C-alpha atoms as a PDB file:
ATOM      1  CA  MET A   1      50.425 -33.030 -97.698  1.00  0.00           C
ATOM      2  CA  LYS A   2      49.902 -32.189 -94.027  1.00  0.00           C
ATOM      3  CA  VAL A   3      48.740 -35.019 -91.773  1.00  0.00           C
ATOM      4  CA  ILE A   4      47.702 -35.552 -88.176  1.00  0.00           C
ATOM      5  CA  VAL A   5      48.402 -39.049 -86.896  1.00  0.00           C
ATOM      6  CA  ASP A   6      47.469 -40.821 -83.688  1.00  0.00           C
ATOM      7  CA  LEU A   7      50.227 -43.383 -83.123  1.00  0.00           C
ATOM      8  CA  CYS A   8      50.419 -46.236 -80.623  1.00  0.00           C
ATOM      9  CA  VAL A   9      53.551 -48.400 -80.823  1.00  0.00           C
ATOM     10  CA  VAL A  10      53.428 -51.494 -78.604  1.00  0.00           C
ATOM     11  CA  PRO A  11      56.564 -53.610 -78.233  1.00  0.00           C
ATOM     12  CA  ILE A  12      55.831 -57.287 -77.628  1.00  0.00           C
ATOM     13  CA  GLY A  13      58.032 -59.650 -75.659  1.00  0.00           C
ATOM     14  CA  VAL A  14      59.663 -57.004 -73.475  1.00  0.00           C
ATOM     15  CA  GLY A  15      57.710 -57.354 -70.228  1.00  0.00           C
ATOM     16  CA  VAL A  16      54.986 -55.218 -68.739  1.00  0.00           C
ATOM     17  CA  SER A  17      56.607 -51.765 -68.742  1.00  0.00           C
ATOM     18  CA  VAL A  18      57.054 -50.137 -72.143  1.00  0.00           C
ATOM     19  CA  SER A  19      57.944 -46.592 -71.059  1.00  0.00           C
ATOM     20  CA  LYS A  20      61.582 -46.748 -72.250  1.00  0.00           C
ATOM     21  CA  TYR A  21      60.360 -47.717 -75.728  1.00  0.00           C
ATOM     22  CA  VAL A  22      57.792 -44.913 -75.770  1.00  0.00           C
ATOM     23  CA  ALA A  23      60.496 -42.484 -74.633  1.00  0.00           C
ATOM     24  CA  GLU A  24      62.686 -43.611 -77.551  1.00  0.00           C
ATOM     25  CA  CYS A  25      59.860 -42.894 -80.004  1.00  0.00           C
ATOM     26  CA  GLN A  26      59.403 -39.456 -78.435  1.00  0.00           C
ATOM     27  CA  THR A  27      63.113 -38.849 -79.063  1.00  0.00           C
ATOM     28  CA  VAL A  28      62.665 -39.873 -82.715  1.00  0.00           C
ATOM     29  CA  LEU A  29      59.776 -37.424 -83.148  1.00  0.00           C
ATOM     30  CA  ARG A  30      61.715 -34.601 -81.486  1.00  0.00           C
ATOM     31  CA  GLU A  31      64.774 -35.296 -83.668  1.00  0.00           C
ATOM     32  CA  ALA A  32      62.523 -35.216 -86.757  1.00  0.00           C
ATOM     33  CA  GLY A  33      61.282 -31.765 -85.714  1.00  0.00           C
ATOM     34  CA  LEU A  34      57.677 -32.939 -85.583  1.00  0.00           C
ATOM     35  CA  GLU A  35      55.005 -31.356 -83.444  1.00  0.00           C
ATOM     36  CA  HIS A  36      53.760 -34.120 -81.146  1.00  0.00           C
ATOM     37  CA  GLN A  37      51.773 -34.626 -77.984  1.00  0.00           C
ATOM     38  CA  LEU A  38      51.997 -37.695 -75.783  1.00  0.00           C
ATOM     39  CA  HIS A  39      48.764 -38.963 -74.245  1.00  0.00           C
ATOM     40  CA  ALA A  40      47.934 -41.956 -72.055  1.00  0.00           C
ATOM     41  CA  TYR A  41      47.612 -44.480 -74.888  1.00  0.00           C
ATOM     42  CA  GLY A  42      49.662 -43.021 -77.714  1.00  0.00           C
ATOM     43  CA  THR A  43      51.007 -39.904 -79.343  1.00  0.00           C
ATOM     44  CA  ASN A  44      49.435 -37.359 -81.666  1.00  0.00           C
ATOM     45  CA  ILE A  45      51.792 -36.150 -84.397  1.00  0.00           C
ATOM     46  CA  GLU A  46      51.409 -33.464 -87.026  1.00  0.00           C
ATOM     47  CA  GLY A  47      53.579 -32.654 -89.996  1.00  0.00           C
ATOM     48  CA  GLU A  48      54.232 -33.460 -93.610  1.00  0.00           C
ATOM     49  CA  TRP A  49      53.117 -36.962 -94.640  1.00  0.00           C
ATOM     50  CA  ASP A  50      56.554 -38.236 -95.686  1.00  0.00           C
ATOM     51  CA  THR A  51      58.292 -36.852 -92.601  1.00  0.00           C
ATOM     52  CA  VAL A  52      55.708 -38.335 -90.220  1.00  0.00           C
ATOM     53  CA  PHE A  53      55.783 -41.774 -91.811  1.00  0.00           C
ATOM     54  CA  ALA A  54      59.591 -41.777 -91.992  1.00  0.00           C
ATOM     55  CA  ALA A  55      59.613 -41.054 -88.246  1.00  0.00           C
ATOM     56  CA  ILE A  56      57.180 -43.917 -87.594  1.00  0.00           C
ATOM     57  CA  LYS A  57      59.526 -46.241 -89.492  1.00  0.00           C
ATOM     58  CA  GLU A  58      62.438 -44.952 -87.412  1.00  0.00           C
ATOM     59  CA  CYS A  59      60.443 -45.608 -84.223  1.00  0.00           C
ATOM     60  CA  HIS A  60      60.095 -49.241 -85.266  1.00  0.00           C
ATOM     61  CA  GLN A  61      63.788 -49.527 -86.066  1.00  0.00           C
ATOM     62  CA  ARG A  62      64.833 -48.030 -82.730  1.00  0.00           C
ATOM     63  CA  VAL A  63      62.378 -50.080 -80.661  1.00  0.00           C
ATOM     64  CA  HIS A  64      63.673 -53.249 -82.343  1.00  0.00           C
ATOM     65  CA  ALA A  65      67.242 -52.063 -81.655  1.00  0.00           C
ATOM     66  CA  LEU A  66      66.331 -51.765 -77.959  1.00  0.00           C
ATOM     67  CA  GLY A  67      65.504 -55.469 -77.967  1.00  0.00           C
ATOM     68  CA  ALA A  68      61.812 -55.741 -78.818  1.00  0.00           C
ATOM     69  CA  PRO A  69      61.434 -58.837 -80.999  1.00  0.00           C
ATOM     70  CA  ARG A  70      57.944 -57.829 -82.166  1.00  0.00           C
ATOM     71  CA  ILE A  71      55.962 -54.597 -82.439  1.00  0.00           C
ATOM     72  CA  THR A  72      52.312 -53.970 -83.093  1.00  0.00           C
ATOM     73  CA  THR A  73      51.313 -50.464 -84.097  1.00  0.00           C
ATOM     74  CA  SER A  74      47.961 -48.726 -84.405  1.00  0.00           C
ATOM     75  CA  ILE A  75      47.771 -45.646 -86.597  1.00  0.00           C
ATOM     76  CA  LYS A  76      44.875 -43.278 -87.233  1.00  0.00           C
ATOM     77  CA  VAL A  77      45.503 -40.763 -90.003  1.00  0.00           C
ATOM     78  CA  GLY A  78      43.670 -37.564 -90.811  1.00  0.00           C
ATOM     79  CA  THR A  79      44.165 -35.136 -93.667  1.00  0.00           C
ATOM     80  CA  ARG A  80      42.122 -32.278 -94.991  1.00  0.00           C
ATOM     81  CA  THR A  81      42.342 -30.084 -98.056  1.00  0.00           C
ATOM     82  CA  ASP A  82      39.780 -27.394 -97.289  1.00  0.00           C
ATOM     83  CA  ARG A  83      41.942 -25.592 -94.723  1.00  0.00           C
ATOM     84  CA  VAL A  84      45.003 -25.864 -92.508  1.00  0.00           C
ATOM     85  CA  GLN A  85      44.184 -27.187 -89.034  1.00  0.00           C
ATOM     86  CA  SER A  86      46.685 -28.043 -86.304  1.00  0.00           C
ATOM     87  CA  MET A  87      46.213 -30.461 -83.421  1.00  0.00           C
ATOM     88  CA  GLN A  88      45.741 -27.482 -81.118  1.00  0.00           C
ATOM     89  CA  ASP A  89      43.129 -25.973 -83.451  1.00  0.00           C
ATOM     90  CA  LYS A  90      41.112 -29.195 -83.171  1.00  0.00           C
ATOM     91  CA  VAL A  91      41.308 -29.174 -79.357  1.00  0.00           C
ATOM     92  CA  ASP A  92      40.421 -25.478 -79.202  1.00  0.00           C
ATOM     93  CA  SER A  93      37.398 -26.027 -81.438  1.00  0.00           C
ATOM     94  CA  VAL A  94      35.963 -28.618 -79.060  1.00  0.00           C
ATOM     95  CA  SER A  95      36.785 -26.474 -76.023  1.00  0.00           C
ATOM     96  CA  GLU A  96      34.819 -23.555 -77.488  1.00  0.00           C
ATOM     97  CA  HIS A  97      31.681 -25.720 -77.546  1.00  0.00           C
ATOM     98  CA  ARG A  98      32.088 -26.789 -73.900  1.00  0.00           C
ATOM     99  CA  GLN A  99      31.862 -23.282 -72.487  1.00  0.00           C
END
């Protein structure tokens, strides 16, 4: 099943800057071959359900390996069965209504 996920991984106990941990998660997603788009407060990911959730697990493992003793993660998940729709399709659909 195809899924689009909005992911926000927040390491706790590592200080104020979390960019190196976010960068590590971006590496995980790239290595998994997943389409993803970083935004100011998270990352949108699209792909097959099992692949996406395996990558999220790997993000947690790598962030812990970098020294984060705790992690809190927010995940929004969307699926649809009536048609195939990519992240870009969703953005384009909204853009068409703004013109």
